[in-house]
Every structure is written in structure tokens, then in C-alpha cells.
Amino acid sequence: MSYFRLNLSVAAIAGLTLLMTPIASRAADGPSAERGYETYMRIGCFQCHGTVGQGPISGPRLAPNPLPVEAIRAYIRAPAEVMPPYVESVLSDAEVADIHAYLESIPEGPNVEDTILGD
């Protein structure tokens, strides 16, 4: 093997290792609301469910108090309505868990009866 090919092989392996490190560390870190927000925005969930999962743009309300992560994952994989399916090769289980963590982090809005609507 020539010196050039050896260096190219080492560089390819190093690059692959760098690409895989964030994925591997995700599982070790557990779900992250910050990553969930980034994924939620990147894949376009906000377009139908609103930026804080409030719905009803064209998708139902997701937050606050989201369904369990297992139910969300099952629906994302095989939706019954007009939502496109997100197979695991497009949206990993770790990313679904991150989105769920983001939805769980969204606080309840103010109670309308407790707000002052002008004097």
C-alpha cells in the first residue's frame, strides 16, 4: 500500500469516527431538550404544531404535557392522518426522545382567567 493510500485510509477512518461520535454520545447523554428543539425546528414540526407545540395550525397540540415518548414514537413512525411518516433512518429514536424532552420542557401557559385583559 502506498504512503498516499495509507494516509487517505487513516483520514477516512478518523473522519468517520468524528461523524459517529455525536451519535454515540447522544445515547450516553440521554434525551436533551436543547437538541430536541433543534431537531423539532430542523425537520419542520413547527410548521404544523407551532413553535412550542401549541397546535392547532394543521397538527394537534403536542405540549405542554405531551404523550409518553413511546406513543409519540409509534405515531411518528406510522401516522394515521396527513402527517408524513418519519422512519428511523430519517429520524432516529434518540432524536424522537430529544423532541419529547423538548415538549416536556414547555411550561403551561398562563390561565386566561388569571390574566388582566385591560381596564
PDB file of N, CA and C in Angstrom:
ATOM      1  N   MET A   1       0.853  -1.175   0.000  1.00  0.00           N
ATOM      2  CA  MET A   1       0.000   0.000   0.000  1.00  0.00           C
ATOM      3  C   MET A   1       0.894   1.232   0.000  1.00  0.00           C
ATOM      4  N   SER A   2       0.593   2.192  -0.842  1.00  0.00           N
ATOM      5  CA  SER A   2       1.439   3.378  -0.921  1.00  0.00           C
ATOM      6  C   SER A   2       1.185   4.288   0.279  1.00  0.00           C
ATOM      7  N   TYR A   3       2.116   5.193   0.487  1.00  0.00           N
ATOM      8  CA  TYR A   3       2.020   6.144   1.593  1.00  0.00           C
ATOM      9  C   TYR A   3       0.756   6.992   1.447  1.00  0.00           C
ATOM     10  N   PHE A   4       0.445   7.408   0.215  1.00  0.00           N
ATOM     11  CA  PHE A   4      -0.733   8.233  -0.036  1.00  0.00           C
ATOM     12  C   PHE A   4      -2.018   7.486   0.327  1.00  0.00           C
ATOM     13  N   ARG A   5      -2.146   6.240  -0.103  1.00  0.00           N
ATOM     14  CA  ARG A   5      -3.343   5.445   0.203  1.00  0.00           C
ATOM     15  C   ARG A   5      -3.479   5.201   1.703  1.00  0.00           C
ATOM     16  N   LEU A   6      -2.357   4.964   2.365  1.00  0.00           N
ATOM     17  CA  LEU A   6      -2.382   4.745   3.809  1.00  0.00           C
ATOM     18  C   LEU A   6      -2.879   5.992   4.516  1.00  0.00           C
ATOM     19  N   ASN A   7      -2.381   7.154   4.139  1.00  0.00           N
ATOM     20  CA  ASN A   7      -2.828   8.405   4.755  1.00  0.00           C
ATOM     21  C   ASN A   7      -4.301   8.667   4.456  1.00  0.00           C
ATOM     22  N   LEU A   8      -4.718   8.378   3.239  1.00  0.00           N
ATOM     23  CA  LEU A   8      -6.110   8.563   2.872  1.00  0.00           C
ATOM     24  C   LEU A   8      -7.011   7.643   3.696  1.00  0.00           C
ATOM     25  N   SER A   9      -6.593   6.402   3.906  1.00  0.00           N
ATOM     26  CA  SER A   9      -7.371   5.454   4.717  1.00  0.00           C
ATOM     27  C   SER A   9      -7.458   5.909   6.158  1.00  0.00           C
ATOM     28  N   VAL A  10      -6.351   6.379   6.707  1.00  0.00           N
ATOM     29  CA  VAL A  10      -6.336   6.869   8.088  1.00  0.00           C
ATOM     30  C   VAL A  10      -7.238   8.089   8.209  1.00  0.00           C
ATOM     31  N   ALA A  11      -7.178   8.988   7.232  1.00  0.00           N
ATOM     32  CA  ALA A  11      -8.023  10.188   7.262  1.00  0.00           C
ATOM     33  C   ALA A  11      -9.497   9.808   7.176  1.00  0.00           C
ATOM     34  N   ALA A  12      -9.832   8.833   6.341  1.00  0.00           N
ATOM     35  CA  ALA A  12     -11.224   8.403   6.211  1.00  0.00           C
ATOM     36  C   ALA A  12     -11.736   7.801   7.513  1.00  0.00           C
ATOM     37  N   ILE A  13     -10.920   6.979   8.150  1.00  0.00           N
ATOM     38  CA  ILE A  13     -11.322   6.369   9.431  1.00  0.00           C
ATOM     39  C   ILE A  13     -11.474   7.444  10.496  1.00  0.00           C
ATOM     40  N   ALA A  14     -10.567   8.407  10.530  1.00  0.00           N
ATOM     41  CA  ALA A  14     -10.655   9.496  11.513  1.00  0.00           C
ATOM     42  C   ALA A  14     -11.915  10.319  11.279  1.00  0.00           C
ATOM     43  N   GLY A  15     -12.230  10.603  10.005  1.00  0.00           N
ATOM     44  CA  GLY A  15     -13.435  11.360   9.688  1.00  0.00           C
ATOM     45  C   GLY A  15     -14.691  10.626  10.084  1.00  0.00           C
ATOM     46  N   LEU A  16     -14.731   9.325   9.832  1.00  0.00           N
ATOM     47  CA  LEU A  16     -15.877   8.511  10.209  1.00  0.00           C
ATOM     48  C   LEU A  16     -16.052   8.496  11.718  1.00  0.00           C
ATOM     49  N   THR A  17     -14.949   8.414  12.441  1.00  0.00           N
ATOM     50  CA  THR A  17     -15.001   8.436  13.904  1.00  0.00           C
ATOM     51  C   THR A  17     -15.569   9.764  14.395  1.00  0.00           C
ATOM     52  N   LEU A  18     -15.154  10.860  13.793  1.00  0.00           N
ATOM     53  CA  LEU A  18     -15.675  12.167  14.196  1.00  0.00           C
ATOM     54  C   LEU A  18     -17.164  12.280  13.917  1.00  0.00           C
ATOM     55  N   LEU A  19     -17.604  11.758  12.769  1.00  0.00           N
ATOM     56  CA  LEU A  19     -19.022  11.813  12.437  1.00  0.00           C
ATOM     57  C   LEU A  19     -19.864  10.966  13.377  1.00  0.00           C
ATOM     58  N   MET A  20     -19.337   9.853  13.827  1.00  0.00           N
ATOM     59  CA  MET A  20     -20.106   8.944  14.668  1.00  0.00           C
ATOM     60  C   MET A  20     -20.085   9.340  16.139  1.00  0.00           C
ATOM     61  N   THR A  21     -19.142  10.132  16.565  1.00  0.00           N
ATOM     62  CA  THR A  21     -19.025  10.488  17.977  1.00  0.00           C
ATOM     63  C   THR A  21     -20.272  11.171  18.528  1.00  0.00           C
ATOM     64  N   PRO A  22     -20.837  12.188  17.860  1.00  0.00           N
ATOM     65  CA  PRO A  22     -22.040  12.810  18.425  1.00  0.00           C
ATOM     66  C   PRO A  22     -23.198  11.838  18.561  1.00  0.00           C
ATOM     67  N   ILE A  23     -23.361  10.918  17.611  1.00  0.00           N
ATOM     68  CA  ILE A  23     -24.448   9.947  17.690  1.00  0.00           C
ATOM     69  C   ILE A  23     -24.243   9.020  18.884  1.00  0.00           C
ATOM     70  N   ALA A  24     -23.033   8.552  19.058  1.00  0.00           N
ATOM     71  CA  ALA A  24     -22.742   7.659  20.180  1.00  0.00           C
ATOM     72  C   ALA A  24     -22.915   8.375  21.506  1.00  0.00           C
ATOM     73  N   SER A  25     -22.497   9.636  21.575  1.00  0.00           N
ATOM     74  CA  SER A  25     -22.606  10.355  22.846  1.00  0.00           C
ATOM     75  C   SER A  25     -24.043  10.718  23.163  1.00  0.00           C
ATOM     76  N   ARG A  26     -24.892  10.819  22.147  1.00  0.00           N
ATOM     77  CA  ARG A  26     -26.306  11.105  22.396  1.00  0.00           C
ATOM     78  C   ARG A  26     -26.937  10.064  23.293  1.00  0.00           C
ATOM     79  N   ALA A  27     -26.713   8.811  22.975  1.00  0.00           N
ATOM     80  CA  ALA A  27     -27.300   7.733  23.765  1.00  0.00           C
ATOM     81  C   ALA A  27     -26.781   7.762  25.193  1.00  0.00           C
ATOM     82  N   ALA A  28     -25.500   8.092  25.351  1.00  0.00           N
ATOM     83  CA  ALA A  28     -24.909   8.132  26.685  1.00  0.00           C
ATOM     84  C   ALA A  28     -25.418   9.329  27.485  1.00  0.00           C
ATOM     85  N   ASP A  29     -25.658  10.445  26.801  1.00  0.00           N
ATOM     86  CA  ASP A  29     -26.108  11.666  27.475  1.00  0.00           C
ATOM     87  C   ASP A  29     -27.571  11.616  27.877  1.00  0.00           C
ATOM     88  N   GLY A  30     -28.357  10.823  27.191  1.00  0.00           N
ATOM     89  CA  GLY A  30     -29.790  10.793  27.427  1.00  0.00           C
ATOM     90  C   GLY A  30     -30.472  11.895  26.638  1.00  0.00           C
ATOM     91  N   PRO A  31     -31.796  11.945  26.682  1.00  0.00           N
ATOM     92  CA  PRO A  31     -32.542  12.944  25.919  1.00  0.00           C
ATOM     93  C   PRO A  31     -32.184  14.372  26.336  1.00  0.00           C
ATOM     94  N   SER A  32     -32.196  15.270  25.359  1.00  0.00           N
ATOM     95  CA  SER A  32     -31.854  16.665  25.587  1.00  0.00           C
ATOM     96  C   SER A  32     -32.932  17.565  24.995  1.00  0.00           C
ATOM     97  N   ALA A  33     -33.495  18.422  25.819  1.00  0.00           N
ATOM     98  CA  ALA A  33     -34.500  19.369  25.342  1.00  0.00           C
ATOM     99  C   ALA A  33     -33.898  20.334  24.321  1.00  0.00           C
ATOM    100  N   GLU A  34     -32.648  20.723  24.508  1.00  0.00           N
ATOM    101  CA  GLU A  34     -31.988  21.644  23.570  1.00  0.00           C
ATOM    102  C   GLU A  34     -31.850  20.997  22.191  1.00  0.00           C
ATOM    103  N   ARG A  35     -31.354  19.768  22.158  1.00  0.00           N
ATOM    104  CA  ARG A  35     -31.248  19.058  20.879  1.00  0.00           C
ATOM    105  C   ARG A  35     -32.637  18.808  20.305  1.00  0.00           C
ATOM    106  N   GLY A  36     -33.606  18.532  21.180  1.00  0.00           N
ATOM    107  CA  GLY A  36     -34.979  18.300  20.729  1.00  0.00           C
ATOM    108  C   GLY A  36     -35.558  19.511  20.040  1.00  0.00           C
ATOM    109  N   TYR A  37     -35.316  20.699  20.596  1.00  0.00           N
ATOM    110  CA  TYR A  37     -35.785  21.932  19.964  1.00  0.00           C
ATOM    111  C   TYR A  37     -35.148  22.096  18.588  1.00  0.00           C
ATOM    112  N   GLU A  38     -33.837  21.866  18.513  1.00  0.00           N
ATOM    113  CA  GLU A  38     -33.132  21.995  17.230  1.00  0.00           C
ATOM    114  C   GLU A  38     -33.699  21.020  16.200  1.00  0.00           C
ATOM    115  N   THR A  39     -33.942  19.780  16.601  1.00  0.00           N
ATOM    116  CA  THR A  39     -34.489  18.781  15.681  1.00  0.00           C
ATOM    117  C   THR A  39     -35.924  19.131  15.299  1.00  0.00           C
ATOM    118  N   TYR A  40     -36.723  19.534  16.251  1.00  0.00           N
ATOM    119  CA  TYR A  40     -38.120  19.932  16.033  1.00  0.00           C
ATOM    120  C   TYR A  40     -38.198  21.027  14.975  1.00  0.00           C
ATOM    121  N   MET A  41     -37.304  21.995  15.071  1.00  0.00           N
ATOM    122  CA  MET A  41     -37.286  23.094  14.108  1.00  0.00           C
ATOM    123  C   MET A  41     -36.698  22.634  12.768  1.00  0.00           C
ATOM    124  N   ARG A  42     -35.633  21.849  12.802  1.00  0.00           N
ATOM    125  CA  ARG A  42     -34.941  21.427  11.581  1.00  0.00           C
ATOM    126  C   ARG A  42     -35.826  20.572  10.679  1.00  0.00           C
ATOM    127  N   ILE A  43     -36.581  19.633  11.269  1.00  0.00           N
ATOM    128  CA  ILE A  43     -37.385  18.749  10.428  1.00  0.00           C
ATOM    129  C   ILE A  43     -38.780  19.318  10.141  1.00  0.00           C
ATOM    130  N   GLY A  44     -39.092  20.463  10.717  1.00  0.00           N
ATOM    131  CA  GLY A  44     -40.313  21.170  10.366  1.00  0.00           C
ATOM    132  C   GLY A  44     -41.539  20.871  11.195  1.00  0.00           C
ATOM    133  N   CYS A  45     -41.395  20.293  12.372  1.00  0.00           N
ATOM    134  CA  CYS A  45     -42.559  20.020  13.229  1.00  0.00           C
ATOM    135  C   CYS A  45     -43.348  21.306  13.501  1.00  0.00           C
ATOM    136  N   PHE A  46     -42.616  22.407  13.653  1.00  0.00           N
ATOM    137  CA  PHE A  46     -43.238  23.692  13.997  1.00  0.00           C
ATOM    138  C   PHE A  46     -44.236  24.160  12.942  1.00  0.00           C
ATOM    139  N   GLN A  47     -44.071  23.714  11.699  1.00  0.00           N
ATOM    140  CA  GLN A  47     -44.945  24.185  10.631  1.00  0.00           C
ATOM    141  C   GLN A  47     -46.395  23.766  10.837  1.00  0.00           C
ATOM    142  N   CYS A  48     -46.616  22.640  11.473  1.00  0.00           N
ATOM    143  CA  CYS A  48     -47.978  22.170  11.727  1.00  0.00           C
ATOM    144  C   CYS A  48     -48.366  22.248  13.197  1.00  0.00           C
ATOM    145  N   HIS A  49     -47.384  22.085  14.089  1.00  0.00           N
ATOM    146  CA  HIS A  49     -47.681  22.005  15.521  1.00  0.00           C
ATOM    147  C   HIS A  49     -47.333  23.279  16.279  1.00  0.00           C
ATOM    148  N   GLY A  50     -46.788  24.299  15.606  1.00  0.00           N
ATOM    149  CA  GLY A  50     -46.392  25.535  16.265  1.00  0.00           C
ATOM    150  C   GLY A  50     -45.025  25.404  16.911  1.00  0.00           C
ATOM    151  N   THR A  51     -44.402  26.531  17.195  1.00  0.00           N
ATOM    152  CA  THR A  51     -43.038  26.528  17.716  1.00  0.00           C
ATOM    153  C   THR A  51     -42.928  25.965  19.122  1.00  0.00           C
ATOM    154  N   VAL A  52     -43.996  25.996  19.867  1.00  0.00           N
ATOM    155  CA  VAL A  52     -43.978  25.418  21.210  1.00  0.00           C
ATOM    156  C   VAL A  52     -45.017  24.305  21.348  1.00  0.00           C
ATOM    157  N   GLY A  53     -45.300  23.648  20.232  1.00  0.00           N
ATOM    158  CA  GLY A  53     -46.215  22.511  20.257  1.00  0.00           C
ATOM    159  C   GLY A  53     -47.650  22.864  20.572  1.00  0.00           C
ATOM    160  N   GLN A  54     -47.994  24.135  20.398  1.00  0.00           N
ATOM    161  CA  GLN A  54     -49.319  24.587  20.815  1.00  0.00           C
ATOM    162  C   GLN A  54     -50.424  24.166  19.871  1.00  0.00           C
ATOM    163  N   GLY A  55     -50.091  23.789  18.593  1.00  0.00           N
ATOM    164  CA  GLY A  55     -51.152  23.480  17.656  1.00  0.00           C
ATOM    165  C   GLY A  55     -52.102  24.666  17.602  1.00  0.00           C
ATOM    166  N   PRO A  56     -53.247  24.648  17.143  1.00  0.00           N
ATOM    167  CA  PRO A  56     -53.687  23.864  16.011  1.00  0.00           C
ATOM    168  C   PRO A  56     -53.482  24.647  14.724  1.00  0.00           C
ATOM    169  N   ILE A  57     -52.307  24.574  14.169  1.00  0.00           N
ATOM    170  CA  ILE A  57     -52.068  25.164  12.850  1.00  0.00           C
ATOM    171  C   ILE A  57     -52.693  24.205  11.854  1.00  0.00           C
ATOM    172  N   SER A  58     -52.102  23.054  11.675  1.00  0.00           N
ATOM    173  CA  SER A  58     -52.782  21.982  10.948  1.00  0.00           C
ATOM    174  C   SER A  58     -52.554  20.658  11.659  1.00  0.00           C
ATOM    175  N   GLY A  59     -51.698  20.681  12.698  1.00  0.00           N
ATOM    176  CA  GLY A  59     -51.446  19.492  13.507  1.00  0.00           C
ATOM    177  C   GLY A  59     -51.950  19.717  14.918  1.00  0.00           C
ATOM    178  N   PRO A  60     -52.174  18.654  15.664  1.00  0.00           N
ATOM    179  CA  PRO A  60     -52.705  18.802  17.024  1.00  0.00           C
ATOM    180  C   PRO A  60     -51.688  19.393  18.001  1.00  0.00           C
ATOM    181  N   ARG A  61     -52.202  19.825  19.138  1.00  0.00           N
ATOM    182  CA  ARG A  61     -51.357  20.346  20.216  1.00  0.00           C
ATOM    183  C   ARG A  61     -50.520  19.197  20.764  1.00  0.00           C
ATOM    184  N   LEU A  62     -49.221  19.452  20.947  1.00  0.00           N
ATOM    185  CA  LEU A  62     -48.304  18.453  21.474  1.00  0.00           C
ATOM    186  C   LEU A  62     -47.837  18.761  22.890  1.00  0.00           C
ATOM    187  N   ALA A  63     -47.892  20.027  23.276  1.00  0.00           N
ATOM    188  CA  ALA A  63     -47.375  20.433  24.578  1.00  0.00           C
ATOM    189  C   ALA A  63     -48.244  21.549  25.122  1.00  0.00           C
ATOM    190  N   PRO A  64     -48.220  21.801  26.385  1.00  0.00           N
ATOM    191  CA  PRO A  64     -47.484  21.083  27.425  1.00  0.00           C
ATOM    192  C   PRO A  64     -48.126  19.726  27.705  1.00  0.00           C
ATOM    193  N   ASN A  65     -47.485  18.978  28.542  1.00  0.00           N
ATOM    194  CA  ASN A  65     -47.932  17.633  28.922  1.00  0.00           C
ATOM    195  C   ASN A  65     -48.074  16.703  27.714  1.00  0.00           C
ATOM    196  N   PRO A  66     -46.971  16.420  27.032  1.00  0.00           N
ATOM    197  CA  PRO A  66     -47.044  15.556  25.852  1.00  0.00           C
ATOM    198  C   PRO A  66     -47.374  14.111  26.212  1.00  0.00           C
ATOM    199  N   LEU A  67     -47.783  13.377  25.207  1.00  0.00           N
ATOM    200  CA  LEU A  67     -47.985  11.931  25.368  1.00  0.00           C
ATOM    201  C   LEU A  67     -46.657  11.287  25.752  1.00  0.00           C
ATOM    202  N   PRO A  68     -46.677  10.064  26.259  1.00  0.00           N
ATOM    203  CA  PRO A  68     -45.417   9.365  26.558  1.00  0.00           C
ATOM    204  C   PRO A  68     -44.577   9.213  25.280  1.00  0.00           C
ATOM    205  N   VAL A  69     -43.268   9.156  25.454  1.00  0.00           N
ATOM    206  CA  VAL A  69     -42.356   9.074  24.315  1.00  0.00           C
ATOM    207  C   VAL A  69     -42.673   7.871  23.430  1.00  0.00           C
ATOM    208  N   GLU A  70     -43.085   6.755  24.015  1.00  0.00           N
ATOM    209  CA  GLU A  70     -43.400   5.562  23.221  1.00  0.00           C
ATOM    210  C   GLU A  70     -44.577   5.822  22.285  1.00  0.00           C
ATOM    211  N   ALA A  71     -45.584   6.532  22.763  1.00  0.00           N
ATOM    212  CA  ALA A  71     -46.754   6.842  21.935  1.00  0.00           C
ATOM    213  C   ALA A  71     -46.389   7.811  20.819  1.00  0.00           C
ATOM    214  N   ILE A  72     -45.563   8.798  21.138  1.00  0.00           N
ATOM    215  CA  ILE A  72     -45.134   9.755  20.117  1.00  0.00           C
ATOM    216  C   ILE A  72     -44.304   9.040  19.056  1.00  0.00           C
ATOM    217  N   ARG A  73     -43.379   8.187  19.491  1.00  0.00           N
ATOM    218  CA  ARG A  73     -42.539   7.454  18.543  1.00  0.00           C
ATOM    219  C   ARG A  73     -43.403   6.583  17.623  1.00  0.00           C
ATOM    220  N   ALA A  74     -44.366   5.869  18.191  1.00  0.00           N
ATOM    221  CA  ALA A  74     -45.226   4.996  17.384  1.00  0.00           C
ATOM    222  C   ALA A  74     -46.009   5.815  16.355  1.00  0.00           C
ATOM    223  N   TYR A  75     -46.510   6.969  16.758  1.00  0.00           N
ATOM    224  CA  TYR A  75     -47.280   7.794  15.822  1.00  0.00           C
ATOM    225  C   TYR A  75     -46.393   8.392  14.743  1.00  0.00           C
ATOM    226  N   ILE A  76     -45.197   8.843  15.119  1.00  0.00           N
ATOM    227  CA  ILE A  76     -44.266   9.407  14.145  1.00  0.00           C
ATOM    228  C   ILE A  76     -43.912   8.369  13.081  1.00  0.00           C
ATOM    229  N   ARG A  77     -43.746   7.130  13.495  1.00  0.00           N
ATOM    230  CA  ARG A  77     -43.361   6.057  12.560  1.00  0.00           C
ATOM    231  C   ARG A  77     -44.515   5.659  11.632  1.00  0.00           C
ATOM    232  N   ALA A  78     -45.755   5.710  12.115  1.00  0.00           N
ATOM    233  CA  ALA A  78     -46.914   5.292  11.309  1.00  0.00           C
ATOM    234  C   ALA A  78     -48.112   6.185  11.621  1.00  0.00           C
ATOM    235  N   PRO A  79     -48.094   7.427  11.145  1.00  0.00           N
ATOM    236  CA  PRO A  79     -49.199   8.343  11.457  1.00  0.00           C
ATOM    237  C   PRO A  79     -50.494   7.943  10.753  1.00  0.00           C
ATOM    238  N   ALA A  80     -51.610   8.270  11.378  1.00  0.00           N
ATOM    239  CA  ALA A  80     -52.916   7.921  10.826  1.00  0.00           C
ATOM    240  C   ALA A  80     -53.493   9.052   9.975  1.00  0.00           C
ATOM    241  N   GLU A  81     -52.988  10.238  10.138  1.00  0.00           N
ATOM    242  CA  GLU A  81     -53.544  11.401   9.435  1.00  0.00           C
ATOM    243  C   GLU A  81     -52.642  11.808   8.273  1.00  0.00           C
ATOM    244  N   VAL A  82     -52.593  13.093   7.975  1.00  0.00           N
ATOM    245  CA  VAL A  82     -51.830  13.600   6.833  1.00  0.00           C
ATOM    246  C   VAL A  82     -50.346  13.789   7.112  1.00  0.00           C
ATOM    247  N   MET A  83     -49.932  13.614   8.337  1.00  0.00           N
ATOM    248  CA  MET A  83     -48.521  13.763   8.682  1.00  0.00           C
ATOM    249  C   MET A  83     -47.694  12.695   7.962  1.00  0.00           C
ATOM    250  N   PRO A  84     -46.556  13.088   7.403  1.00  0.00           N
ATOM    251  CA  PRO A  84     -45.715  12.076   6.751  1.00  0.00           C
ATOM    252  C   PRO A  84     -45.048  11.176   7.790  1.00  0.00           C
ATOM    253  N   PRO A  85     -44.814   9.915   7.456  1.00  0.00           N
ATOM    254  CA  PRO A  85     -44.106   9.034   8.390  1.00  0.00           C
ATOM    255  C   PRO A  85     -42.620   9.382   8.424  1.00  0.00           C
ATOM    256  N   TYR A  86     -42.037   9.290   9.598  1.00  0.00           N
ATOM    257  CA  TYR A  86     -40.605   9.514   9.773  1.00  0.00           C
ATOM    258  C   TYR A  86     -39.981   8.193  10.209  1.00  0.00           C
ATOM    259  N   VAL A  87     -39.413   7.473   9.248  1.00  0.00           N
ATOM    260  CA  VAL A  87     -38.772   6.200   9.550  1.00  0.00           C
ATOM    261  C   VAL A  87     -37.487   6.456  10.332  1.00  0.00           C
ATOM    262  N   GLU A  88     -36.977   5.417  10.983  1.00  0.00           N
ATOM    263  CA  GLU A  88     -35.811   5.576  11.852  1.00  0.00           C
ATOM    264  C   GLU A  88     -34.581   6.059  11.100  1.00  0.00           C
ATOM    265  N   SER A  89     -34.459   5.760   9.824  1.00  0.00           N
ATOM    266  CA  SER A  89     -33.306   6.236   9.067  1.00  0.00           C
ATOM    267  C   SER A  89     -33.371   7.744   8.818  1.00  0.00           C
ATOM    268  N   VAL A  90     -34.554   8.337   8.959  1.00  0.00           N
ATOM    269  CA  VAL A  90     -34.728   9.781   8.791  1.00  0.00           C
ATOM    270  C   VAL A  90     -34.715  10.487  10.142  1.00  0.00           C
ATOM    271  N   LEU A  91     -35.364   9.904  11.128  1.00  0.00           N
ATOM    272  CA  LEU A  91     -35.471  10.474  12.468  1.00  0.00           C
ATOM    273  C   LEU A  91     -35.235   9.340  13.460  1.00  0.00           C
ATOM    274  N   SER A  92     -34.078   9.352  14.096  1.00  0.00           N
ATOM    275  CA  SER A  92     -33.703   8.243  14.981  1.00  0.00           C
ATOM    276  C   SER A  92     -34.535   8.238  16.263  1.00  0.00           C
ATOM    277  N   ASP A  93     -34.525   7.108  16.948  1.00  0.00           N
ATOM    278  CA  ASP A  93     -35.209   7.016  18.240  1.00  0.00           C
ATOM    279  C   ASP A  93     -34.624   8.020  19.228  1.00  0.00           C
ATOM    280  N   ALA A  94     -33.304   8.251  19.170  1.00  0.00           N
ATOM    281  CA  ALA A  94     -32.665   9.237  20.059  1.00  0.00           C
ATOM    282  C   ALA A  94     -33.188  10.635  19.755  1.00  0.00           C
ATOM    283  N   GLU A  95     -33.399  10.957  18.473  1.00  0.00           N
ATOM    284  CA  GLU A  95     -33.943  12.266  18.116  1.00  0.00           C
ATOM    285  C   GLU A  95     -35.393  12.404  18.556  1.00  0.00           C
ATOM    286  N   VAL A  96     -36.163  11.329  18.454  1.00  0.00           N
ATOM    287  CA  VAL A  96     -37.546  11.356  18.953  1.00  0.00           C
ATOM    288  C   VAL A  96     -37.536  11.603  20.458  1.00  0.00           C
ATOM    289  N   ALA A  97     -36.646  10.953  21.175  1.00  0.00           N
ATOM    290  CA  ALA A  97     -36.542  11.161  22.627  1.00  0.00           C
ATOM    291  C   ALA A  97     -36.143  12.599  22.933  1.00  0.00           C
ATOM    292  N   ASP A  98     -35.258  13.175  22.122  1.00  0.00           N
ATOM    293  CA  ASP A  98     -34.879  14.580  22.306  1.00  0.00           C
ATOM    294  C   ASP A  98     -36.077  15.498  22.081  1.00  0.00           C
ATOM    295  N   ILE A  99     -36.854  15.241  21.015  1.00  0.00           N
ATOM    296  CA  ILE A  99     -38.050  16.050  20.752  1.00  0.00           C
ATOM    297  C   ILE A  99     -39.021  15.928  21.919  1.00  0.00           C
ATOM    298  N   HIS A 100     -39.182  14.725  22.439  1.00  0.00           N
ATOM    299  CA  HIS A 100     -40.065  14.525  23.585  1.00  0.00           C
ATOM    300  C   HIS A 100     -39.563  15.326  24.792  1.00  0.00           C
ATOM    301  N   ALA A 101     -38.251  15.324  25.010  1.00  0.00           N
ATOM    302  CA  ALA A 101     -37.678  16.106  26.117  1.00  0.00           C
ATOM    303  C   ALA A 101     -37.967  17.589  25.922  1.00  0.00           C
ATOM    304  N   TYR A 102     -37.888  18.066  24.681  1.00  0.00           N
ATOM    305  CA  TYR A 102     -38.223  19.470  24.402  1.00  0.00           C
ATOM    306  C   TYR A 102     -39.689  19.738  24.723  1.00  0.00           C
ATOM    307  N   LEU A 103     -40.579  18.868  24.262  1.00  0.00           N
ATOM    308  CA  LEU A 103     -42.002  19.058  24.524  1.00  0.00           C
ATOM    309  C   LEU A 103     -42.304  19.036  26.019  1.00  0.00           C
ATOM    310  N   GLU A 104     -41.612  18.161  26.751  1.00  0.00           N
ATOM    311  CA  GLU A 104     -41.799  18.117  28.214  1.00  0.00           C
ATOM    312  C   GLU A 104     -41.301  19.385  28.896  1.00  0.00           C
ATOM    313  N   SER A 105     -40.340  20.067  28.287  1.00  0.00           N
ATOM    314  CA  SER A 105     -39.761  21.262  28.908  1.00  0.00           C
ATOM    315  C   SER A 105     -40.642  22.498  28.742  1.00  0.00           C
ATOM    316  N   ILE A 106     -41.649  22.415  27.909  1.00  0.00           N
ATOM    317  CA  ILE A 106     -42.506  23.570  27.643  1.00  0.00           C
ATOM    318  C   ILE A 106     -43.484  23.734  28.808  1.00  0.00           C
ATOM    319  N   PRO A 107     -43.458  24.903  29.449  1.00  0.00           N
ATOM    320  CA  PRO A 107     -44.341  25.110  30.607  1.00  0.00           C
ATOM    321  C   PRO A 107     -45.778  25.394  30.183  1.00  0.00           C
ATOM    322  N   GLU A 108     -46.677  25.211  31.126  1.00  0.00           N
ATOM    323  CA  GLU A 108     -48.080  25.591  30.911  1.00  0.00           C
ATOM    324  C   GLU A 108     -48.132  27.093  30.665  1.00  0.00           C
ATOM    325  N   GLY A 109     -49.025  27.503  29.789  1.00  0.00           N
ATOM    326  CA  GLY A 109     -49.237  28.929  29.574  1.00  0.00           C
ATOM    327  C   GLY A 109     -50.069  29.508  30.707  1.00  0.00           C
ATOM    328  N   PRO A 110     -50.194  30.826  30.735  1.00  0.00           N
ATOM    329  CA  PRO A 110     -50.999  31.442  31.799  1.00  0.00           C
ATOM    330  C   PRO A 110     -52.473  31.083  31.647  1.00  0.00           C
ATOM    331  N   ASN A 111     -53.153  30.987  32.757  1.00  0.00           N
ATOM    332  CA  ASN A 111     -54.584  30.734  32.774  1.00  0.00           C
ATOM    333  C   ASN A 111     -55.296  32.014  32.347  1.00  0.00           C
ATOM    334  N   VAL A 112     -56.171  31.906  31.363  1.00  0.00           N
ATOM    335  CA  VAL A 112     -56.862  33.083  30.834  1.00  0.00           C
ATOM    336  C   VAL A 112     -57.613  33.820  31.938  1.00  0.00           C
ATOM    337  N   GLU A 113     -58.226  33.103  32.857  1.00  0.00           N
ATOM    338  CA  GLU A 113     -58.981  33.745  33.948  1.00  0.00           C
ATOM    339  C   GLU A 113     -58.062  34.541  34.884  1.00  0.00           C
ATOM    340  N   ASP A 114     -56.783  34.190  34.911  1.00  0.00           N
ATOM    341  CA  ASP A 114     -55.851  34.872  35.807  1.00  0.00           C
ATOM    342  C   ASP A 114     -55.159  36.066  35.172  1.00  0.00           C
ATOM    343  N   THR A 115     -55.430  36.312  33.902  1.00  0.00           N
ATOM    344  CA  THR A 115     -54.774  37.429  33.222  1.00  0.00           C
ATOM    345  C   THR A 115     -55.683  38.653  33.245  1.00  0.00           C
ATOM    346  N   ILE A 116     -55.069  39.796  33.193  1.00  0.00           N
ATOM    347  CA  ILE A 116     -55.814  41.045  33.149  1.00  0.00           C
ATOM    348  C   ILE A 116     -55.913  41.458  31.680  1.00  0.00           C
ATOM    349  N   LEU A 117     -57.106  41.605  31.205  1.00  0.00           N
ATOM    350  CA  LEU A 117     -57.330  41.920  29.795  1.00  0.00           C
ATOM    351  C   LEU A 117     -57.697  43.387  29.608  1.00  0.00           C
ATOM    352  N   GLY A 118     -56.971  44.265  30.227  1.00  0.00           N
ATOM    353  CA  GLY A 118     -57.210  45.699  30.084  1.00  0.00           C
ATOM    354  C   GLY A 118     -58.204  46.199  31.118  1.00  0.00           C
ATOM    355  N   ASP A 119     -58.109  47.463  31.368  1.00  0.00           N
ATOM    356  CA  ASP A 119     -59.004  48.077  32.363  1.00  0.00           C
ATOM    357  C   ASP A 119     -60.017  48.981  31.740  1.00  0.00           C
TER     358      ASP A 119
END
